Protein backbone atom coordinates (compact mmCIF):
# COMPACT_ATOMS: atom_id res chain seq x y z
CA MET A 1 93.65 125.55 149.87
CA GLY A 2 96.62 127.90 149.81
CA PHE A 3 99.18 125.17 149.17
CA LEU A 4 97.28 123.69 146.23
CA ASP A 5 96.62 127.09 144.74
CA ASP A 6 100.32 127.96 144.95
CA ALA A 7 101.29 124.63 143.36
CA LEU A 8 98.79 125.15 140.53
CA ASP A 9 100.05 128.67 139.89
CA LYS A 10 103.65 127.43 139.77
CA ALA A 11 102.69 124.65 137.37
CA LYS A 12 100.91 127.12 135.07
CA ASP A 13 103.93 129.42 135.15
CA ALA A 14 106.29 126.55 134.30
CA ILE A 15 104.11 125.51 131.36
CA ALA A 16 103.92 129.08 130.08
CA ASP A 17 107.67 129.69 130.51
CA HIS A 18 108.89 126.36 129.12
CA PRO A 19 106.28 124.85 126.79
CA ASP A 20 108.82 122.94 124.69
CA GLN A 21 110.33 121.24 127.73
CA VAL A 22 106.90 120.28 129.06
CA SER A 23 105.91 118.86 125.68
CA GLU A 24 109.17 116.90 125.51
CA ALA A 25 108.61 115.53 129.02
CA LEU A 26 105.13 114.34 128.03
CA ASP A 27 106.57 112.65 124.94
CA LYS A 28 109.20 110.88 127.06
CA ALA A 29 106.51 109.72 129.48
CA GLY A 30 104.56 108.32 126.53
CA GLU A 31 107.63 106.49 125.25
CA PHE A 32 108.23 105.06 128.71
CA ALA A 33 104.65 103.84 128.96
CA SER A 34 104.85 102.33 125.49
CA ASP A 35 108.08 100.51 126.35
CA LYS A 36 106.62 99.15 129.58
CA THR A 37 103.51 97.85 127.82
CA GLY A 38 105.41 96.48 124.84
CA GLY A 39 103.58 98.80 122.46
CA LYS A 40 100.31 97.06 123.23
CA PHE A 41 98.50 100.30 124.11
CA ASP A 42 100.18 102.79 121.79
CA GLY A 43 96.87 104.09 120.45
CA GLN A 44 95.55 104.85 123.91
CA ILE A 45 98.85 106.36 125.02
CA GLU A 46 98.99 108.62 121.98
CA GLY A 47 95.38 109.68 122.54
CA GLY A 48 96.12 110.50 126.15
CA LEU A 49 99.17 112.53 125.19
CA ASP A 50 97.15 114.47 122.63
CA LYS A 51 94.46 115.27 125.19
CA ALA A 52 97.03 116.29 127.80
CA LYS A 53 98.77 118.59 125.34
CA ASP A 54 95.43 120.09 124.28
CA ALA A 55 94.46 120.72 127.91
CA LEU A 56 97.81 122.39 128.61
CA GLY A 57 97.70 124.49 125.45
CA LEU A 58 100.60 122.65 123.83
CA ASP A 59 98.63 121.59 120.75
CA GLY A 60 101.03 122.79 118.08
CA ARG A 61 104.27 121.56 119.66
């Protein structure tokens, strides 16, 4: 799995080097999802964003 390992390493490096940009991108994705669902699932979207940020180590951003 050389290709997947390389991709994962690059993703980890990008998160470590640019945590604010990654956090901002997640927030924008959440806003997009909220807009597309008319705000109907905002609680679930927010929960998913929180879990994603926790998993990526972006808790305090």
